[in-house]
N, C-alpha and C. Protein backbone atom coordinates (compact mmCIF):
# COMPACT_ATOMS: atom_id res chain seq x y z
N MET A 1 38.66 62.96 66.84
CA MET A 1 39.50 63.84 65.67
C MET A 1 39.52 65.15 66.31
N SER A 2 40.82 65.70 66.24
CA SER A 2 40.89 67.08 66.87
C SER A 2 41.06 68.01 65.69
N LEU A 3 40.44 69.26 65.70
CA LEU A 3 40.36 70.11 64.65
C LEU A 3 41.35 71.35 65.13
N SER A 4 42.05 71.96 64.13
CA SER A 4 42.73 73.06 64.59
C SER A 4 41.71 74.41 64.75
N ARG A 5 42.45 75.14 65.41
CA ARG A 5 41.52 76.36 65.75
C ARG A 5 40.74 77.04 64.42
N ARG A 6 41.65 77.18 63.30
CA ARG A 6 40.93 77.55 62.10
C ARG A 6 39.82 76.64 61.57
N GLU A 7 40.15 75.51 61.62
CA GLU A 7 39.05 74.34 61.10
C GLU A 7 37.81 74.35 62.00
N PHE A 8 38.09 74.51 63.36
CA PHE A 8 36.88 74.71 64.26
C PHE A 8 36.04 75.80 63.88
N ILE A 9 36.69 77.15 63.75
CA ILE A 9 36.13 78.31 63.63
C ILE A 9 35.32 78.10 62.16
N LYS A 10 35.97 77.63 61.26
CA LYS A 10 35.24 77.49 59.91
C LYS A 10 34.05 76.49 59.99
N THR A 11 34.14 75.45 60.70
CA THR A 11 33.03 74.46 60.88
C THR A 11 31.96 75.22 61.59
N VAL A 12 32.20 75.86 62.81
CA VAL A 12 31.16 76.62 63.41
C VAL A 12 30.48 77.66 62.58
N TYR A 13 31.13 78.34 61.84
CA TYR A 13 30.84 79.48 61.14
C TYR A 13 29.77 78.87 59.96
N ILE A 14 30.19 77.89 59.31
CA ILE A 14 29.48 77.33 58.25
C ILE A 14 28.31 76.54 58.68
N THR A 15 28.37 76.02 59.93
CA THR A 15 27.09 75.29 60.62
C THR A 15 26.09 76.36 60.97
N LEU A 16 26.47 77.49 61.63
CA LEU A 16 25.63 78.55 62.03
C LEU A 16 24.96 79.19 60.83
N GLY A 17 25.78 79.23 59.62
CA GLY A 17 25.03 79.79 58.42
C GLY A 17 24.16 78.86 57.73
N GLY A 18 23.85 77.75 58.24
CA GLY A 18 22.90 76.74 57.60
C GLY A 18 23.51 75.86 56.68
N ILE A 19 24.90 75.72 56.51
CA ILE A 19 25.46 74.93 55.80
C ILE A 19 26.53 74.12 56.58
N MET A 20 26.43 72.76 56.56
CA MET A 20 27.30 72.12 57.29
C MET A 20 28.24 71.28 56.57
N LEU A 21 29.59 71.14 57.03
CA LEU A 21 30.71 70.48 56.48
C LEU A 21 30.26 69.00 56.54
N VAL A 22 30.39 68.13 55.42
CA VAL A 22 30.23 66.66 55.67
C VAL A 22 31.68 66.12 55.67
N THR A 23 32.63 66.76 54.88
CA THR A 23 33.92 66.46 55.04
C THR A 23 34.78 67.66 55.00
N LYS A 24 35.97 67.89 54.95
CA LYS A 24 36.66 69.01 54.97
C LYS A 24 36.45 69.87 53.78
N ASN A 25 36.10 69.38 52.55
CA ASN A 25 35.87 69.98 51.42
C ASN A 25 34.58 69.90 50.66
N PHE A 26 33.63 69.35 51.49
CA PHE A 26 32.29 69.06 50.85
C PHE A 26 31.28 69.49 51.95
N THR A 27 30.15 70.20 51.42
CA THR A 27 29.24 70.65 52.26
C THR A 27 27.79 70.02 51.99
N THR A 28 26.91 70.18 52.99
CA THR A 28 25.48 69.56 52.75
C THR A 28 24.88 70.36 51.59
N ASN A 29 25.12 71.63 51.35
CA ASN A 29 24.59 72.43 50.49
C ASN A 29 25.01 71.84 48.98
N GLU A 30 26.07 71.57 48.66
CA GLU A 30 26.38 71.00 47.45
C GLU A 30 26.09 69.47 47.02
N LEU A 31 25.80 68.78 48.25
CA LEU A 31 25.33 67.42 48.22
C LEU A 31 23.85 67.24 48.21
N MET A 32 23.07 68.16 48.55
CA MET A 32 21.68 68.22 48.74
C MET A 32 20.80 67.93 47.60
N CYS A 33 19.68 67.15 47.65
CA CYS A 33 18.79 66.96 46.47
C CYS A 33 18.25 68.31 45.91
N HIS A 34 18.20 68.31 44.72
CA HIS A 34 17.87 69.66 43.97
C HIS A 34 16.25 69.92 43.98
N CYS A 35 15.62 68.93 44.38
CA CYS A 35 14.15 69.34 44.40
C CYS A 35 13.63 70.17 45.44
N GLY A 36 14.36 70.38 46.47
CA GLY A 36 14.03 71.40 47.43
C GLY A 36 13.55 70.60 48.83
N CYS A 37 13.73 69.32 48.88
CA CYS A 37 13.30 68.46 49.90
C CYS A 37 14.49 68.58 51.10
N ASN A 38 15.62 69.07 50.80
CA ASN A 38 16.78 69.25 51.69
C ASN A 38 17.38 67.99 52.09
N ASP A 39 17.16 66.79 51.38
CA ASP A 39 17.78 65.65 51.74
C ASP A 39 19.26 65.68 51.36
N ALA A 40 20.20 65.68 52.37
CA ALA A 40 21.54 65.58 51.98
C ALA A 40 22.40 64.41 52.62
N GLU A 41 21.55 63.55 53.08
CA GLU A 41 22.27 62.26 53.82
C GLU A 41 23.08 61.47 52.84
N MET A 42 24.35 61.60 52.95
CA MET A 42 25.25 60.67 52.06
C MET A 42 25.67 59.56 52.99
N ASP A 43 26.15 58.40 52.20
CA ASP A 43 26.75 57.28 52.86
C ASP A 43 28.01 57.65 53.45
N ASP A 44 28.54 57.41 54.67
CA ASP A 44 29.66 57.56 55.32
C ASP A 44 30.96 57.06 54.54
N ASP A 45 30.82 55.85 54.10
CA ASP A 45 31.91 55.21 53.56
C ASP A 45 32.22 55.92 52.06
N PHE A 46 31.15 56.12 51.25
CA PHE A 46 31.25 56.88 50.23
C PHE A 46 31.68 58.35 50.33
N MET A 47 31.47 59.02 51.28
CA MET A 47 32.04 60.41 51.57
C MET A 47 33.59 60.12 52.01
N ARG A 48 33.93 59.22 52.65
CA ARG A 48 35.27 58.90 53.09
C ARG A 48 36.06 58.76 51.71
N MET A 49 35.64 58.13 50.90
CA MET A 49 36.22 57.79 49.50
C MET A 49 36.21 59.02 48.71
N LEU A 50 35.08 60.00 48.65
CA LEU A 50 34.95 61.07 47.93
C LEU A 50 35.99 62.11 48.37
N GLN A 51 36.12 62.15 49.57
CA GLN A 51 37.30 63.11 50.37
C GLN A 51 38.69 62.49 49.98
N GLU A 52 38.85 61.38 49.93
CA GLU A 52 40.21 60.74 49.61
C GLU A 52 40.38 61.13 48.05
N LEU A 53 39.53 60.99 47.25
CA LEU A 53 39.56 61.43 45.86
C LEU A 53 40.00 62.89 45.67
N ARG A 54 39.40 63.77 46.43
CA ARG A 54 39.75 65.15 46.38
C ARG A 54 41.06 65.53 46.81
N ASP A 55 41.51 64.73 48.06
CA ASP A 55 42.89 64.88 48.34
C ASP A 55 43.83 64.41 47.53
N VAL A 56 43.77 63.36 46.94
CA VAL A 56 44.70 62.79 45.89
C VAL A 56 44.60 63.46 44.58
N ALA A 57 43.52 64.07 44.29
CA ALA A 57 43.42 64.85 43.06
C ALA A 57 44.37 66.13 43.06
N GLY A 58 44.24 66.71 44.23
CA GLY A 58 45.03 67.78 44.32
C GLY A 58 44.28 69.23 43.84
N PHE A 59 43.15 69.10 43.33
CA PHE A 59 42.45 70.37 43.00
C PHE A 59 40.93 70.10 43.18
N PRO A 60 40.33 71.28 43.29
CA PRO A 60 38.98 71.15 43.74
C PRO A 60 38.10 70.93 42.43
N PHE A 61 36.96 70.18 42.92
CA PHE A 61 35.93 69.89 41.66
C PHE A 61 34.56 70.16 42.29
N ARG A 62 33.72 70.47 41.48
CA ARG A 62 32.30 70.82 41.75
C ARG A 62 31.48 69.65 41.62
N ILE A 63 30.55 69.61 42.60
CA ILE A 63 29.64 68.40 42.62
C ILE A 63 28.26 69.11 41.77
N ASN A 64 27.78 68.50 40.87
CA ASN A 64 26.54 68.88 40.04
C ASN A 64 25.44 68.25 40.87
N SER A 65 25.46 66.84 41.22
CA SER A 65 24.34 66.24 41.73
C SER A 65 25.06 65.32 42.79
N GLY A 66 24.39 65.20 43.88
CA GLY A 66 24.76 64.28 45.00
C GLY A 66 23.58 63.39 45.43
N LYS A 67 23.06 63.76 46.63
CA LYS A 67 21.94 62.85 47.07
C LYS A 67 20.62 63.31 46.21
N ARG A 68 19.77 62.37 45.96
CA ARG A 68 18.40 62.47 45.34
C ARG A 68 17.34 61.73 46.22
N CYS A 69 16.36 62.35 46.51
CA CYS A 69 15.14 61.67 47.05
C CYS A 69 14.67 60.87 45.85
N ILE A 70 13.83 59.80 46.31
CA ILE A 70 13.08 58.89 45.31
C ILE A 70 12.32 59.56 44.29
N LYS A 71 11.56 60.56 44.74
CA LYS A 71 10.68 61.25 43.94
C LYS A 71 11.58 62.03 42.80
N HIS A 72 12.42 62.69 43.30
CA HIS A 72 13.39 63.56 42.30
C HIS A 72 14.10 62.46 41.44
N ASN A 73 14.51 61.42 41.90
CA ASN A 73 15.33 60.48 40.89
C ASN A 73 14.29 60.02 39.93
N ALA A 74 13.07 59.84 40.20
CA ALA A 74 12.02 59.23 39.36
C ALA A 74 11.80 60.28 38.15
N GLU A 75 11.81 61.67 38.64
CA GLU A 75 11.46 62.51 37.59
C GLU A 75 12.78 62.79 36.79
N ILE A 76 13.94 62.54 36.95
CA ILE A 76 15.11 62.95 36.31
C ILE A 76 16.03 61.83 35.74
N SER A 77 15.96 60.72 36.33
CA SER A 77 16.68 59.56 36.01
C SER A 77 16.08 58.90 34.67
N SER A 78 17.18 58.43 33.89
CA SER A 78 16.71 57.68 32.73
C SER A 78 16.15 56.41 32.96
N HIS A 79 16.55 55.79 34.08
CA HIS A 79 16.01 54.43 34.30
C HIS A 79 14.86 54.51 35.47
N LYS A 80 14.52 55.56 35.97
CA LYS A 80 13.30 55.96 36.82
C LYS A 80 13.27 54.96 38.02
N LYS A 81 14.00 54.09 38.32
CA LYS A 81 13.92 53.29 39.44
C LYS A 81 14.72 53.95 40.53
N GLN A 82 14.79 53.30 41.73
CA GLN A 82 15.53 53.96 42.86
C GLN A 82 17.11 53.70 42.58
N GLY A 83 17.61 54.85 42.15
CA GLY A 83 19.06 54.76 41.57
C GLY A 83 20.04 54.84 42.72
N ILE A 84 21.32 54.78 42.44
CA ILE A 84 22.41 54.61 43.47
C ILE A 84 22.51 56.15 44.10
N HIS A 85 22.04 57.14 43.46
CA HIS A 85 21.97 58.67 44.05
C HIS A 85 21.07 58.63 45.36
N THR A 86 19.89 57.78 45.31
CA THR A 86 18.98 57.78 46.29
C THR A 86 19.53 57.12 47.51
N TYR A 87 20.64 56.41 47.39
CA TYR A 87 21.25 55.79 48.71
C TYR A 87 22.49 56.76 49.20
N GLY A 88 22.62 57.67 48.53
CA GLY A 88 23.76 58.71 48.98
C GLY A 88 25.23 58.02 48.55
N LYS A 89 25.25 57.29 47.56
CA LYS A 89 26.37 56.52 47.22
C LYS A 89 26.93 57.03 45.74
N ALA A 90 26.59 58.21 45.35
CA ALA A 90 26.96 58.75 43.96
C ALA A 90 26.91 60.10 43.93
N VAL A 91 27.79 60.70 43.18
CA VAL A 91 27.77 62.06 42.77
C VAL A 91 28.31 62.08 41.42
N ASP A 92 27.70 63.22 40.75
CA ASP A 92 28.18 63.74 39.46
C ASP A 92 29.07 65.06 39.49
N ILE A 93 30.22 64.85 39.10
CA ILE A 93 31.31 65.82 39.18
C ILE A 93 31.27 66.57 37.86
N SER A 94 31.13 68.06 37.88
CA SER A 94 31.30 68.82 36.79
C SER A 94 32.71 68.72 36.31
N VAL A 95 32.86 68.60 34.89
CA VAL A 95 34.18 68.81 34.34
C VAL A 95 34.24 70.06 33.56
N MET A 96 33.42 71.00 33.70
CA MET A 96 33.38 72.18 33.04
C MET A 96 34.66 73.01 33.20
N SER A 97 35.43 72.97 34.41
CA SER A 97 36.30 73.93 34.73
C SER A 97 37.75 73.15 35.01
N ILE A 98 37.70 71.84 34.67
CA ILE A 98 38.94 71.26 34.81
C ILE A 98 39.44 70.66 33.35
N SER A 99 40.63 70.42 33.11
CA SER A 99 41.06 70.00 31.99
C SER A 99 40.71 68.63 31.68
N THR A 100 40.86 68.28 30.47
CA THR A 100 40.76 66.83 30.03
C THR A 100 41.77 66.02 30.59
N THR A 101 43.04 66.33 30.77
CA THR A 101 44.01 65.56 31.53
C THR A 101 43.57 65.24 32.91
N GLN A 102 43.12 66.47 33.54
CA GLN A 102 42.63 66.28 35.04
C GLN A 102 41.39 65.30 35.19
N ALA A 103 40.52 65.44 34.12
CA ALA A 103 39.28 64.57 34.34
C ALA A 103 39.68 63.04 34.03
N LEU A 104 40.59 62.80 33.08
CA LEU A 104 41.17 61.42 33.04
C LEU A 104 41.88 60.99 34.31
N HIS A 105 42.61 61.70 34.81
CA HIS A 105 43.49 61.49 36.00
C HIS A 105 42.33 61.20 37.18
N LEU A 106 41.26 62.12 37.22
CA LEU A 106 40.15 61.93 38.21
C LEU A 106 39.53 60.50 38.16
N ILE A 107 39.31 60.05 36.95
CA ILE A 107 38.70 58.78 36.75
C ILE A 107 39.60 57.56 37.20
N LYS A 108 40.79 57.79 36.75
CA LYS A 108 41.78 56.73 37.19
C LYS A 108 41.91 56.75 38.59
N GLN A 109 42.09 57.78 39.29
CA GLN A 109 42.36 57.92 40.83
C GLN A 109 41.06 57.38 41.46
N ALA A 110 39.81 57.72 40.90
CA ALA A 110 38.60 57.16 41.57
C ALA A 110 38.54 55.55 41.53
N GLN A 111 38.97 55.10 40.48
CA GLN A 111 39.11 53.73 40.26
C GLN A 111 39.94 53.05 41.29
N ASP A 112 41.15 53.55 41.45
CA ASP A 112 42.15 53.14 42.38
C ASP A 112 41.66 53.18 43.82
N ILE A 113 40.92 54.19 44.21
CA ILE A 113 40.28 54.34 45.42
C ILE A 113 39.12 53.24 45.69
N GLY A 114 38.52 52.76 44.64
CA GLY A 114 37.69 51.72 44.92
C GLY A 114 36.31 52.09 44.31
N PHE A 115 36.12 53.15 43.72
CA PHE A 115 34.77 53.47 43.14
C PHE A 115 34.44 52.37 41.94
N THR A 116 33.13 51.95 41.98
CA THR A 116 32.89 50.89 40.96
C THR A 116 31.83 51.15 39.99
N GLY A 117 31.33 52.40 39.90
CA GLY A 117 30.38 52.82 38.90
C GLY A 117 30.78 54.26 38.24
N PHE A 118 30.84 54.21 36.86
CA PHE A 118 31.39 55.39 36.12
C PHE A 118 30.58 55.71 35.01
N GLY A 119 29.87 56.92 34.95
CA GLY A 119 29.10 57.18 33.95
C GLY A 119 29.63 58.61 33.39
N LEU A 120 29.98 58.60 31.89
CA LEU A 120 30.82 59.64 31.42
C LEU A 120 29.82 60.52 30.50
N ASN A 121 29.84 61.73 30.73
CA ASN A 121 29.17 62.60 29.88
C ASN A 121 30.15 63.72 29.35
N LEU A 122 30.86 63.39 28.24
CA LEU A 122 32.00 64.37 28.02
C LEU A 122 31.89 64.86 26.58
N LYS A 123 30.44 64.97 26.11
CA LYS A 123 30.40 65.46 24.92
C LYS A 123 29.54 66.64 24.91
N GLY A 124 29.19 67.50 23.74
CA GLY A 124 28.47 68.64 23.92
C GLY A 124 29.03 70.03 24.51
N GLU A 125 28.34 70.91 24.96
CA GLU A 125 28.71 71.95 25.57
C GLU A 125 29.52 71.64 26.90
N ARG A 126 30.73 72.38 27.05
CA ARG A 126 31.46 72.16 28.17
C ARG A 126 30.80 72.16 29.41
N LYS A 127 29.72 73.11 29.59
CA LYS A 127 29.23 73.26 30.88
C LYS A 127 28.32 72.25 31.25
N GLY A 128 27.87 71.42 30.30
CA GLY A 128 27.09 70.27 30.56
C GLY A 128 27.76 68.98 30.93
N ARG A 129 29.08 68.88 30.80
CA ARG A 129 29.83 67.72 30.93
C ARG A 129 30.08 67.34 32.31
N PHE A 130 29.87 66.10 32.66
CA PHE A 130 30.08 65.63 33.89
C PHE A 130 30.71 64.20 33.94
N ILE A 131 31.12 63.78 35.17
CA ILE A 131 31.54 62.28 35.48
C ILE A 131 30.80 61.91 36.60
N HIS A 132 30.03 60.85 36.31
CA HIS A 132 29.25 60.14 37.45
C HIS A 132 30.23 59.15 38.15
N ILE A 133 30.32 59.14 39.51
CA ILE A 133 30.91 58.11 40.22
C ILE A 133 30.10 57.46 41.16
N ASP A 134 30.39 56.25 41.61
CA ASP A 134 29.78 55.65 42.72
C ASP A 134 30.27 54.64 43.35
N ASN A 135 29.97 53.96 44.32
CA ASN A 135 30.50 52.79 45.02
C ASN A 135 29.38 51.76 45.36
N ARG A 136 28.77 51.40 44.13
CA ARG A 136 27.77 50.44 44.13
C ARG A 136 28.30 48.97 44.64
N GLY A 137 27.55 48.25 45.43
CA GLY A 137 27.98 46.93 45.76
C GLY A 137 27.25 45.98 45.01
N GLU A 138 27.83 44.75 44.98
CA GLU A 138 27.38 43.77 44.30
C GLU A 138 25.69 43.45 44.41
N ASP A 139 25.26 43.97 45.74
CA ASP A 139 24.00 43.75 45.88
C ASP A 139 23.05 44.88 45.08
N PHE A 140 23.62 45.89 44.68
CA PHE A 140 22.95 46.85 43.80
C PHE A 140 23.04 46.43 42.30
N SER A 141 24.36 46.21 41.86
CA SER A 141 24.56 45.89 40.60
C SER A 141 26.05 45.63 40.43
N PRO A 142 26.60 44.74 39.45
CA PRO A 142 27.80 44.60 39.25
C PRO A 142 28.62 46.02 38.86
N PRO A 143 30.04 46.03 39.11
CA PRO A 143 30.49 47.39 38.65
C PRO A 143 30.29 47.56 37.04
N ALA A 144 30.18 48.95 36.83
CA ALA A 144 29.57 49.35 35.52
C ALA A 144 30.47 50.55 34.94
N VAL A 145 30.40 50.90 33.63
CA VAL A 145 30.87 51.82 33.02
C VAL A 145 30.10 52.18 31.92
N TRP A 146 29.44 53.58 31.73
CA TRP A 146 28.74 53.72 30.78
C TRP A 146 28.75 55.18 30.25
N THR A 147 28.22 55.66 29.06
CA THR A 147 28.26 57.03 28.56
C THR A 147 26.79 57.28 28.44
N TYR A 148 26.65 58.70 28.50
CA TYR A 148 25.28 59.36 28.32
C TYR A 148 25.13 59.97 26.87
């Protein structure tokens, strides 16, 4: 893959600053486990799909939670087992700064791209609202939709 001069400079600058681009719109910093372990290893196919979602959506969206180490997931997850975030195949997207229409389009576009897990937290204060998306395989669990 060939980068334009601007993309190359941006990639080098971000890498030298300690933040690496995972795709053209997502960095290790925003996908990293929040416990401080610095684990940001995401599944390649998942990241391809997430970048496609960003491209199709046509607007930026913020990731609240990406990769989680097993320890951190056990501390914050409602089911306490090794969840899909620990495999680098899930993100929680903040819907605080996007409209309801954009959030609905995002869910539809994610489904069209092939994401198979959707968790919706669209109640309460706007700043705490998010959409969980993942690309779980049948080996993990069947496709699922749930609310928080």
